[in-house]
Amino acid sequence: MSTELINAEQIVKNFGLTKALQGVHFTLNAGEIRGLIGENGSGKSTLCSILAGVYPADSGQLYLNGQPYSPTSMIDAQRQGVAMIVQEMGTISGIRVADNLFVGKEKMFAKAGLVNRKAMVAAARKALTAIGVTHIDPRIMIDELNFEDRKLVEVARAVYDRPQILIVDETTTALSQQGRDIIYSLCRRFSEQGKGIIFISHDLDEILEICTALTVLRDGMLIGTLAQEEMKPDVIKSMMVGRELIGDYYRGDFDGQYGEKVVLNIENVTDGRILKNVSLQLHEGEILGLGGLTDSGMHELGRIAFGVDRPVHGRVELADKTIISQPHEAIKRRIGYISKNRDQESLMITATVSENIALPSLPDILQSGLLFRKNERRLAETQRQALSIKCSSVDQVVRYLSGGNKQKVVFARWIAHQSQILILDCPTRGVDIGVKQAMYQLIYKLKTEGRSIMLISEELAELIGMCDRIIIMKNGQCNGEFRRSATLSEHDLIESMI
């Protein structure tokens, strides 16, 4: 007989007019790796945030090991054995790695009111090594780490107290294969120890590989739970979306045609860290893919192409010979950029949907130098309808949208601005299959309109499915080029990546 670790009964949670959870029942058993899946806005992260003490339910009951459970904060939940690795950035800027790892636990290293930093650093190094991470120095500032390494610090922090229940909220989307293997190993180890794992992911292959059972949510309601032998891709997709996905998932053609005009020329770019004399060209009406391992330099190249970072050598030049060295120059020249770090770099998370969408278009909608909110809202409402953004209104604060709808807001911003060049860095990270399909159709539509797209992606299937031309990067240099073809395979790309 299974031992129930945590039980949630009739959980209700609303955010204003948004009904995030509508009477959800959820049970996690000892030794289970329970997948939790659903479209963006289905309530997955909301349910787990309640279990982890981020905020309380409006109604319903929680039980931990058969006893009433009502955590007042994430730290309180961790003390009771429930730890969560959040989807977006969960580290604190401005402090060191060791301090991040032991937030709320400083008293462990205190004596006579002073913190023994040497002991804290030693404990942090031991905690990182315990999960297989040896390349992160706990003495350095957390801001010196990239997004992936900051997530690994969060993993070490979450498992330090050996929680009974570990919640993994779409963490693997931000990690390389090495980082994912660390997460998978932890999950399996916890399962063998009789602990419970709640694993949220939009990657069906990952769910099928790691999970021993699966719960599906849709529109804030429980749709059903599948045992491992019942977990079939078509069944899961149908339960998630409540409908059959109609039409092509990726684009359906293989002609790979685009214009001769070069709209963006990256010439001999070196950044002094990773990139070494990189040159490539983006053409009118082209979807150009950039692929490679996380540290290949592809993400850094996207930032330089938009002017976020400056190269120490080389240049980014438009067709009219304009040099791009600052984001405001790129925006003025109708270039849009979607960062891999959505909440930190692509959105004003505490602003409204309309304020986010209208931001780059403000010079275009001013009247006599004045901004009238009705013009801002009208622009945003047009995009809300066009992209089917789910929100109570364009006055809703972006923070409370699901991941997929946040990403739609970012797309809407640049479409509203009529951007002719789009630099998209992992644009479908953390969104469900239904939203992914809609985004792929949108990207292809933009191509057919003559817009030019640089698609940076860690998903090889996405590159093969969407791009006219793919450049693989390795060690800061271009290491292979492939044209669109019905016979192009992931194996072909991998040979140039490794």
Protein backbone atom coordinates (compact mmCIF):
# COMPACT_ATOMS: atom_id res chain seq x y z
CA MET A 1 0.00 0.00 0.00
CA SER A 2 1.33 3.42 -0.98
CA THR A 3 2.27 5.91 1.72
CA GLU A 4 0.83 9.39 1.13
CA LEU A 5 3.41 12.10 1.70
CA ILE A 6 1.33 15.12 0.79
CA ASN A 7 -2.37 15.48 0.11
CA ALA A 8 -4.13 18.56 -1.27
CA GLU A 9 -7.93 18.56 -1.12
CA GLN A 10 -10.25 20.91 -3.01
CA ILE A 11 -7.62 23.62 -3.48
CA VAL A 12 -8.96 26.93 -4.81
CA LYS A 13 -6.81 29.93 -5.76
CA ASN A 14 -7.81 33.10 -7.60
CA PHE A 15 -5.73 36.06 -8.75
CA GLY A 16 -8.28 38.81 -9.21
CA LEU A 17 -10.67 37.57 -11.89
CA THR A 18 -8.31 34.78 -12.92
CA LYS A 19 -9.34 31.37 -11.53
CA ALA A 20 -5.96 29.68 -11.21
CA LEU A 21 -7.15 26.56 -9.35
CA GLN A 22 -10.74 25.32 -9.11
CA GLY A 23 -11.10 22.62 -6.45
CA VAL A 24 -7.99 20.61 -7.32
CA HIS A 25 -7.24 17.35 -5.51
CA PHE A 26 -3.65 16.09 -5.61
CA THR A 27 -1.79 13.32 -3.77
CA LEU A 28 1.92 12.44 -3.85
CA ASN A 29 3.10 9.05 -2.63
CA ALA A 30 6.44 7.94 -1.20
CA GLY A 31 8.93 6.94 -3.89
CA GLU A 32 6.97 8.63 -6.69
CA ILE A 33 8.37 10.91 -9.34
CA ARG A 34 5.03 12.51 -10.19
CA GLY A 35 4.94 14.47 -13.43
CA LEU A 36 2.69 17.53 -13.45
CA ILE A 37 1.76 18.76 -16.88
CA GLY A 38 -0.71 21.06 -18.60
CA GLU A 39 -0.87 24.02 -20.91
CA ASN A 40 0.40 27.39 -19.71
CA GLY A 41 -2.18 28.78 -17.30
CA SER A 42 -3.39 25.32 -16.28
CA GLY A 43 -2.40 25.89 -12.64
CA LYS A 44 0.73 23.71 -12.31
CA SER A 45 3.04 26.33 -10.82
CA THR A 46 0.22 27.78 -8.72
CA LEU A 47 -0.47 24.40 -7.09
CA CYS A 48 3.20 23.79 -6.40
CA SER A 49 3.69 27.32 -5.08
CA ILE A 50 0.93 26.66 -2.54
CA LEU A 51 2.55 23.35 -1.53
CA ALA A 52 5.92 25.13 -1.18
CA GLY A 53 4.60 28.02 0.93
CA VAL A 54 4.94 30.79 -1.67
CA TYR A 55 1.35 31.84 -0.99
CA PRO A 56 -1.72 30.32 0.68
CA ALA A 57 -4.72 28.73 -0.96
CA ASP A 58 -8.01 30.66 -0.87
CA SER A 59 -9.72 27.48 0.33
CA GLY A 60 -9.08 23.77 0.67
CA GLN A 61 -6.90 21.65 2.94
CA LEU A 62 -3.28 20.49 2.86
CA TYR A 63 -1.92 17.48 4.71
CA LEU A 64 1.73 16.49 5.13
CA ASN A 65 2.32 12.94 6.39
CA GLY A 66 -1.33 12.85 7.42
CA GLN A 67 -1.13 16.01 9.53
CA PRO A 68 -2.62 19.45 8.69
CA TYR A 69 -0.04 21.51 6.78
CA SER A 70 -0.12 25.29 6.24
CA PRO A 71 3.35 26.68 5.42
CA THR A 72 3.76 30.43 5.94
CA SER A 73 6.74 30.83 3.57
CA MET A 74 9.16 28.84 1.42
CA ILE A 75 11.62 28.78 4.33
CA ASP A 76 8.89 27.43 6.62
CA ALA A 77 8.01 24.76 4.03
CA GLN A 78 11.68 23.77 3.77
CA ARG A 79 11.84 23.38 7.55
CA GLN A 80 8.93 20.96 7.25
CA GLY A 81 10.60 19.00 4.46
CA VAL A 82 9.11 20.53 1.28
CA ALA A 83 11.59 22.24 -1.08
CA MET A 84 10.98 23.81 -4.48
CA ILE A 85 13.27 24.81 -7.35
CA VAL A 86 11.40 27.61 -9.11
CA GLN A 87 11.04 28.08 -12.88
CA GLU A 88 12.51 31.57 -13.14
CA MET A 89 15.48 33.10 -11.32
CA GLY A 90 15.44 32.16 -7.65
CA THR A 91 18.79 33.52 -6.51
CA ILE A 92 19.43 36.91 -4.89
CA SER A 93 21.66 39.36 -6.76
CA GLY A 94 24.32 41.37 -4.98
CA ILE A 95 25.50 38.62 -2.62
CA ARG A 96 27.88 35.70 -2.88
CA VAL A 97 27.15 32.13 -3.98
CA ALA A 98 27.58 30.80 -0.43
CA ASP A 99 25.19 33.43 0.96
CA ASN A 100 22.58 32.42 -1.63
CA LEU A 101 22.95 28.78 -0.73
CA PHE A 102 22.35 29.43 2.98
CA VAL A 103 19.70 32.17 2.89
CA GLY A 104 17.73 31.90 6.14
CA LYS A 105 20.32 29.52 7.61
CA GLU A 106 23.03 32.03 8.57
CA LYS A 107 22.73 31.11 12.25
CA MET A 108 24.34 27.78 11.43
CA PHE A 109 27.62 29.62 11.01
CA ALA A 110 27.17 32.36 13.62
CA LYS A 111 29.07 32.71 16.86
CA ALA A 112 28.83 35.71 19.17
CA GLY A 113 26.72 37.45 16.52
CA LEU A 114 29.33 37.05 13.75
CA VAL A 115 29.08 34.75 10.73
CA ASN A 116 32.06 32.47 10.16
CA ARG A 117 32.41 33.00 6.43
CA LYS A 118 35.17 30.42 6.06
CA ALA A 119 32.89 27.73 7.47
CA MET A 120 29.99 28.88 5.27
CA VAL A 121 32.13 28.76 2.13
CA ALA A 122 33.41 25.27 3.03
CA ALA A 123 29.84 24.04 3.61
CA ALA A 124 28.69 25.61 0.32
CA ARG A 125 31.48 23.91 -1.59
CA LYS A 126 30.55 20.58 0.00
CA ALA A 127 26.85 21.09 -0.89
CA LEU A 128 27.66 21.86 -4.52
CA THR A 129 30.01 18.87 -4.79
CA ALA A 130 27.28 16.62 -3.34
CA ILE A 131 25.11 17.24 -6.42
CA GLY A 132 28.03 16.87 -8.84
CA VAL A 133 28.92 20.56 -9.30
CA THR A 134 32.62 21.33 -8.86
CA HIS A 135 33.18 24.27 -11.22
CA ILE A 136 31.34 26.95 -9.17
CA ASP A 137 33.38 28.89 -6.61
CA PRO A 138 31.14 29.64 -3.59
CA ARG A 139 33.23 32.72 -2.76
CA ILE A 140 32.30 34.71 -5.86
CA MET A 141 29.32 37.03 -6.36
CA ILE A 142 26.26 35.23 -7.70
CA ASP A 143 25.99 37.81 -10.50
CA GLU A 144 29.22 36.46 -12.02
CA LEU A 145 27.44 33.21 -12.86
CA ASN A 146 25.35 32.58 -15.96
CA PHE A 147 21.67 31.63 -15.72
CA GLU A 148 22.37 27.90 -15.81
CA ASP A 149 24.95 27.94 -13.02
CA ARG A 150 22.66 30.08 -10.86
CA LYS A 151 20.00 27.39 -11.26
CA LEU A 152 22.49 24.76 -10.08
CA VAL A 153 23.10 26.84 -6.97
CA GLU A 154 19.34 26.79 -6.39
CA VAL A 155 19.33 23.01 -6.78
CA ALA A 156 22.08 22.64 -4.16
CA ARG A 157 20.16 24.96 -1.83
CA ALA A 158 16.90 23.06 -2.27
CA VAL A 159 18.36 19.64 -1.47
CA TYR A 160 20.79 20.72 1.27
CA ASP A 161 18.38 19.87 4.10
CA ARG A 162 17.48 16.56 2.45
CA PRO A 163 13.80 17.38 1.98
CA GLN A 164 11.15 14.71 2.01
CA ILE A 165 9.45 16.29 -1.01
CA LEU A 166 11.25 18.04 -3.88
CA ILE A 167 9.33 20.16 -6.40
CA VAL A 168 11.10 20.77 -9.72
CA ASP A 169 9.24 23.55 -11.57
CA GLU A 170 10.39 23.54 -15.22
CA THR A 171 13.98 23.85 -14.02
CA THR A 172 15.47 21.63 -16.72
CA THR A 173 14.51 23.99 -19.57
CA ALA A 174 17.29 26.33 -18.40
CA LEU A 175 19.95 23.62 -18.17
CA SER A 176 22.36 21.90 -20.53
CA GLN A 177 22.30 18.11 -20.76
CA GLN A 178 24.89 17.94 -17.98
CA GLY A 179 22.68 20.05 -15.72
CA ARG A 180 19.63 17.96 -16.63
CA ASP A 181 21.51 14.78 -15.75
CA ILE A 182 22.20 16.23 -12.30
CA ILE A 183 18.46 16.81 -11.79
CA TYR A 184 17.53 13.35 -13.10
CA SER A 185 20.08 11.69 -10.82
CA LEU A 186 18.74 13.58 -7.78
CA CYS A 187 15.15 12.61 -8.61
CA ARG A 188 16.00 8.93 -8.95
CA ARG A 189 18.07 8.97 -5.76
CA PHE A 190 15.23 10.63 -3.82
CA SER A 191 12.77 8.10 -5.22
CA GLU A 192 14.96 5.19 -4.10
CA GLN A 193 15.06 6.73 -0.62
CA GLY A 194 11.26 6.74 -0.43
CA LYS A 195 10.94 10.48 -0.90
CA GLY A 196 8.55 12.18 -3.34
CA ILE A 197 9.24 14.39 -6.35
CA ILE A 198 6.82 16.63 -8.24
CA PHE A 199 8.29 17.21 -11.69
CA ILE A 200 6.83 19.98 -13.89
CA SER A 201 7.92 20.00 -17.53
CA HIS A 202 6.58 20.71 -21.01
CA ASP A 203 9.02 18.21 -22.54
CA LEU A 204 7.06 15.00 -23.11
CA ASP A 205 10.19 12.96 -23.82
CA GLU A 206 11.60 14.09 -20.49
CA ILE A 207 8.35 13.29 -18.66
CA LEU A 208 8.25 9.82 -20.16
CA GLU A 209 11.91 9.20 -19.26
CA ILE A 210 11.89 10.34 -15.63
CA CYS A 211 8.35 10.13 -14.22
CA THR A 212 6.63 7.13 -12.62
CA ALA A 213 3.15 8.72 -12.75
CA LEU A 214 1.59 11.79 -14.32
CA THR A 215 -1.11 14.28 -13.31
CA VAL A 216 -2.68 16.55 -15.95
CA LEU A 217 -4.25 19.94 -15.19
CA ARG A 218 -6.26 22.11 -17.57
CA ASP A 219 -7.75 25.55 -16.91
CA GLY A 220 -7.16 25.20 -13.17
CA MET A 221 -8.89 21.82 -12.90
CA LEU A 222 -7.68 18.25 -12.43
CA ILE A 223 -8.16 16.29 -15.66
CA GLY A 224 -6.71 13.00 -14.49
CA THR A 225 -3.72 10.98 -13.30
CA LEU A 226 -1.96 8.32 -15.37
CA ALA A 227 0.10 5.39 -14.15
CA GLN A 228 3.44 4.88 -15.88
CA GLU A 229 2.10 2.22 -18.27
CA GLU A 230 -0.72 4.59 -19.33
CA MET A 231 1.59 7.48 -20.20
CA LYS A 232 1.31 7.66 -24.00
CA PRO A 233 2.17 10.89 -25.89
CA ASP A 234 -1.15 11.10 -27.77
CA VAL A 235 -3.15 10.47 -24.60
CA ILE A 236 -1.19 13.12 -22.68
CA LYS A 237 -1.55 15.74 -25.43
CA SER A 238 -5.29 15.15 -25.70
CA MET A 239 -5.72 15.49 -21.93
CA MET A 240 -3.61 18.66 -21.87
CA VAL A 241 -5.31 20.66 -24.60
CA GLY A 242 -8.77 19.05 -24.61
CA ARG A 243 -8.66 19.06 -28.38
CA GLU A 244 -6.68 17.65 -31.27
CA LEU A 245 -3.76 19.81 -32.40
CA ILE A 246 -4.72 20.74 -35.96
CA GLY A 247 -2.30 21.66 -38.71
CA ASP A 248 1.48 21.49 -38.90
CA TYR A 249 3.45 21.66 -35.67
CA TYR A 250 6.55 23.05 -37.37
CA ARG A 251 6.39 24.62 -40.83
CA GLY A 252 5.28 22.19 -43.51
CA ASP A 253 7.52 23.18 -46.45
CA PHE A 254 11.13 22.26 -47.21
CA ASP A 255 12.04 24.78 -49.94
CA GLY A 256 14.15 26.94 -47.58
CA GLN A 257 13.93 29.95 -49.89
CA TYR A 258 14.70 33.52 -48.81
CA GLY A 259 15.74 36.82 -50.36
CA GLU A 260 19.21 37.78 -51.61
CA LYS A 261 19.33 41.04 -49.66
CA VAL A 262 21.52 40.91 -46.53
CA VAL A 263 19.69 42.77 -43.77
CA LEU A 264 22.10 42.06 -40.90
CA ASN A 265 25.83 41.48 -41.29
CA ILE A 266 27.86 40.24 -38.32
CA GLU A 267 31.51 40.67 -39.24
CA ASN A 268 34.54 39.29 -37.35
CA VAL A 269 32.90 39.64 -33.93
CA THR A 270 35.03 38.84 -30.88
CA ASP A 271 33.80 39.47 -27.35
CA GLY A 272 36.99 38.75 -25.41
CA ARG A 273 35.43 35.78 -23.58
CA ILE A 274 33.83 33.21 -25.89
CA LEU A 275 33.28 34.57 -29.41
CA LYS A 276 36.25 34.48 -31.80
CA ASN A 277 36.00 36.28 -35.15
CA VAL A 278 32.42 35.21 -35.86
CA SER A 279 30.95 36.27 -39.19
CA LEU A 280 27.49 35.50 -40.56
CA GLN A 281 24.73 37.12 -42.55
CA LEU A 282 20.96 37.22 -42.12
CA HIS A 283 18.90 37.67 -45.30
CA GLU A 284 15.53 39.21 -45.99
CA GLY A 285 12.74 36.71 -45.34
CA GLU A 286 15.12 34.16 -43.81
CA ILE A 287 14.81 32.11 -40.64
CA LEU A 288 18.45 31.62 -39.68
CA GLY A 289 19.03 29.11 -36.89
CA LEU A 290 21.90 29.24 -34.41
CA GLY A 291 22.52 26.02 -32.52
CA GLY A 292 25.14 24.54 -30.24
CA LEU A 293 25.85 23.65 -26.65
CA THR A 294 25.01 26.19 -23.93
CA ASP A 295 28.56 27.59 -23.82
CA SER A 296 29.07 27.64 -27.61
CA GLY A 297 28.63 31.42 -27.84
CA MET A 298 25.25 31.48 -29.62
CA HIS A 299 23.46 33.29 -26.79
CA GLU A 300 26.28 35.86 -26.53
CA LEU A 301 26.09 36.48 -30.28
CA GLY A 302 22.37 37.24 -30.03
CA ARG A 303 23.02 39.83 -27.32
CA ILE A 304 25.70 41.51 -29.42
CA ALA A 305 23.45 41.52 -32.50
CA PHE A 306 20.90 43.59 -30.54
CA GLY A 307 23.52 45.83 -28.94
CA VAL A 308 23.04 44.55 -25.38
CA ASP A 309 26.76 43.73 -25.24
CA ARG A 310 29.54 45.29 -27.29
CA PRO A 311 32.23 43.30 -29.08
CA VAL A 312 35.88 44.10 -28.45
CA HIS A 313 36.46 43.57 -32.15
CA GLY A 314 34.21 43.40 -35.21
CA ARG A 315 30.81 44.94 -35.89
CA VAL A 316 27.11 44.40 -36.46
CA GLU A 317 25.95 46.27 -39.57
CA LEU A 318 22.59 46.77 -41.27
CA ALA A 319 21.94 46.97 -45.00
CA ASP A 320 22.18 50.78 -44.92
CA LYS A 321 25.60 50.54 -43.19
CA THR A 322 24.21 51.54 -39.78
CA ILE A 323 26.31 50.04 -36.99
CA ILE A 324 24.36 48.52 -34.09
CA SER A 325 26.10 49.03 -30.74
CA GLN A 326 23.21 49.93 -28.40
CA PRO A 327 19.70 48.47 -27.92
CA HIS A 328 18.05 51.86 -28.53
CA GLU A 329 19.73 51.98 -31.96
CA ALA A 330 18.46 48.49 -32.73
CA ILE A 331 14.91 49.34 -31.65
CA LYS A 332 14.95 52.53 -33.72
CA ARG A 333 15.98 50.45 -36.74
CA ARG A 334 13.07 48.03 -36.18
CA ILE A 335 15.05 45.19 -34.62
CA GLY A 336 13.39 43.18 -31.85
CA TYR A 337 15.01 40.86 -29.32
CA ILE A 338 13.59 38.13 -27.10
CA SER A 339 16.01 37.13 -24.36
CA LYS A 340 16.37 33.62 -22.97
CA ASN A 341 15.94 35.28 -19.56
CA ARG A 342 12.34 36.37 -20.09
CA ASP A 343 11.37 37.74 -16.68
CA GLN A 344 14.70 39.46 -16.06
CA GLU A 345 15.46 40.93 -19.50
CA SER A 346 12.40 40.86 -21.76
CA LEU A 347 9.59 42.05 -19.50
CA MET A 348 8.74 44.74 -16.97
CA ILE A 349 7.28 42.16 -14.65
CA THR A 350 5.40 44.61 -12.38
CA ALA A 351 3.95 46.64 -15.28
CA THR A 352 0.73 45.93 -17.15
CA VAL A 353 0.27 44.04 -20.39
CA SER A 354 -0.42 47.28 -22.26
CA GLU A 355 2.65 49.03 -20.82
CA ASN A 356 4.86 46.12 -21.83
CA ILE A 357 3.51 45.83 -25.36
CA ALA A 358 3.58 49.56 -26.06
CA LEU A 359 7.06 50.30 -24.68
CA PRO A 360 9.12 50.37 -27.92
CA SER A 361 6.22 51.94 -29.82
CA LEU A 362 5.79 54.97 -27.53
CA PRO A 363 7.38 57.43 -30.03
CA ASP A 364 4.85 56.23 -32.63
CA ILE A 365 1.73 56.72 -30.50
CA LEU A 366 2.52 60.05 -28.85
CA GLN A 367 0.20 62.94 -29.73
CA SER A 368 1.82 66.38 -29.56
CA GLY A 369 4.49 64.84 -27.36
CA LEU A 370 1.92 63.43 -24.91
CA LEU A 371 1.03 59.82 -24.16
CA PHE A 372 -2.67 59.07 -24.02
CA ARG A 373 -3.41 55.80 -22.28
CA LYS A 374 -6.25 55.06 -24.68
CA ASN A 375 -3.72 54.89 -27.54
CA GLU A 376 -1.49 52.57 -25.52
CA ARG A 377 -4.42 50.32 -24.64
CA ARG A 378 -5.72 50.30 -28.22
CA LEU A 379 -2.33 49.13 -29.51
CA ALA A 380 -2.11 46.45 -26.83
CA GLU A 381 -5.68 45.26 -27.31
CA THR A 382 -5.05 44.71 -31.02
CA GLN A 383 -2.10 42.46 -30.20
CA ARG A 384 -3.95 40.72 -27.36
CA GLN A 385 -6.62 39.60 -29.79
CA ALA A 386 -4.20 38.77 -32.61
CA LEU A 387 -2.00 36.54 -30.42
CA SER A 388 -4.81 35.22 -28.17
CA ILE A 389 -3.10 36.41 -24.99
CA LYS A 390 -5.02 35.10 -21.99
CA CYS A 391 -5.41 37.91 -19.45
CA SER A 392 -8.28 39.56 -17.59
CA SER A 393 -7.57 42.76 -19.58
CA VAL A 394 -4.58 44.64 -20.99
CA ASP A 395 -4.46 46.41 -17.62
CA GLN A 396 -3.49 43.16 -15.85
CA VAL A 397 0.00 43.07 -14.34
CA VAL A 398 2.28 40.75 -16.34
CA ARG A 399 3.62 39.04 -13.20
CA TYR A 400 0.36 37.11 -12.86
CA LEU A 401 0.30 35.69 -16.39
CA SER A 402 1.37 32.14 -17.21
CA GLY A 403 4.75 31.58 -18.83
CA GLY A 404 3.28 31.12 -22.30
CA ASN A 405 1.19 34.26 -22.10
CA LYS A 406 4.18 36.24 -20.82
CA GLN A 407 6.08 35.11 -23.89
CA LYS A 408 3.19 36.13 -26.13
CA VAL A 409 3.38 39.62 -24.60
CA VAL A 410 7.07 39.79 -25.58
CA PHE A 411 6.26 38.72 -29.15
CA ALA A 412 3.40 41.24 -29.24
CA ARG A 413 5.76 44.06 -28.28
CA TRP A 414 7.94 43.62 -31.35
CA ILE A 415 5.09 42.83 -33.74
CA ALA A 416 3.29 45.99 -32.62
CA HIS A 417 6.52 47.91 -33.26
CA GLN A 418 6.62 46.41 -36.79
CA SER A 419 10.10 45.00 -36.22
CA GLN A 420 11.58 43.74 -39.48
CA ILE A 421 14.43 41.80 -37.84
CA LEU A 422 13.74 39.54 -34.87
CA ILE A 423 16.44 37.95 -32.72
CA LEU A 424 14.75 35.15 -30.79
CA ASP A 425 16.80 33.42 -28.07
CA CYS A 426 15.05 30.20 -26.98
CA PRO A 427 11.62 31.76 -27.65
CA THR A 428 9.64 28.62 -26.78
CA ARG A 429 11.46 27.84 -23.50
CA GLY A 430 8.97 27.00 -20.77
CA VAL A 431 5.81 27.03 -22.91
CA ASP A 432 3.44 24.16 -23.59
CA ILE A 433 2.90 22.32 -26.87
CA GLY A 434 -0.20 24.30 -27.81
CA VAL A 435 1.53 27.66 -27.37
CA LYS A 436 4.65 26.30 -29.08
CA GLN A 437 2.63 25.37 -32.14
CA ALA A 438 1.05 28.84 -32.21
CA MET A 439 4.49 30.47 -31.92
CA TYR A 440 5.93 28.35 -34.72
CA GLN A 441 3.02 29.30 -36.97
CA LEU A 442 3.55 32.95 -36.05
CA ILE A 443 7.29 32.79 -36.80
CA TYR A 444 6.61 31.25 -40.21
CA LYS A 445 3.94 33.87 -40.92
CA LEU A 446 6.47 36.62 -40.13
CA LYS A 447 8.88 35.00 -42.58
CA THR A 448 6.27 34.95 -45.35
CA GLU A 449 5.74 38.68 -44.72
CA GLY A 450 9.41 39.26 -45.54
CA ARG A 451 10.69 39.69 -42.01
CA SER A 452 14.06 38.22 -41.05
CA ILE A 453 14.50 36.01 -38.00
CA MET A 454 17.55 34.78 -36.12
CA LEU A 455 16.36 31.77 -34.11
CA ILE A 456 18.75 30.75 -31.34
CA SER A 457 17.76 27.42 -29.86
CA GLU A 458 19.06 24.53 -27.78
CA GLU A 459 16.36 22.26 -29.29
CA LEU A 460 17.64 20.63 -32.45
CA ALA A 461 14.16 19.52 -33.54
CA GLU A 462 13.05 23.16 -33.37
CA LEU A 463 15.95 24.30 -35.57
CA ILE A 464 15.38 21.54 -38.13
CA GLY A 465 11.63 22.11 -38.10
CA MET A 466 11.70 25.89 -38.57
CA CYS A 467 14.91 27.18 -40.18
CA ASP A 468 15.93 27.86 -43.77
CA ARG A 469 19.56 27.66 -42.80
CA ILE A 470 21.25 26.46 -39.59
CA ILE A 471 24.67 27.49 -38.29
CA ILE A 472 26.13 25.35 -35.51
CA MET A 473 28.51 27.06 -33.10
CA LYS A 474 31.26 25.43 -31.08
CA ASN A 475 33.81 27.05 -28.77
CA GLY A 476 32.81 30.55 -29.87
CA GLN A 477 33.09 29.91 -33.61
CA CYS A 478 30.86 28.81 -36.49
CA ASN A 479 31.50 25.10 -36.95
CA GLY A 480 28.96 23.95 -39.53
CA GLU A 481 26.22 25.19 -41.85
CA PHE A 482 23.16 23.26 -43.01
CA ARG A 483 20.40 24.10 -45.49
CA ARG A 484 16.77 23.18 -44.99
CA SER A 485 16.05 19.65 -46.14
CA ALA A 486 13.56 16.86 -45.52
CA THR A 487 16.50 14.54 -44.84
CA LEU A 488 18.39 16.76 -42.36
CA SER A 489 18.65 14.96 -39.00
CA GLU A 490 19.68 15.78 -35.44
CA HIS A 491 22.65 13.46 -35.89
CA ASP A 492 23.94 15.69 -38.69
CA LEU A 493 23.90 18.72 -36.36
CA ILE A 494 25.32 16.90 -33.34
CA GLU A 495 28.47 15.96 -35.26
CA SER A 496 29.26 19.69 -35.59
CA MET A 497 28.35 20.49 -31.97
CA ILE A 498 30.60 18.06 -30.13
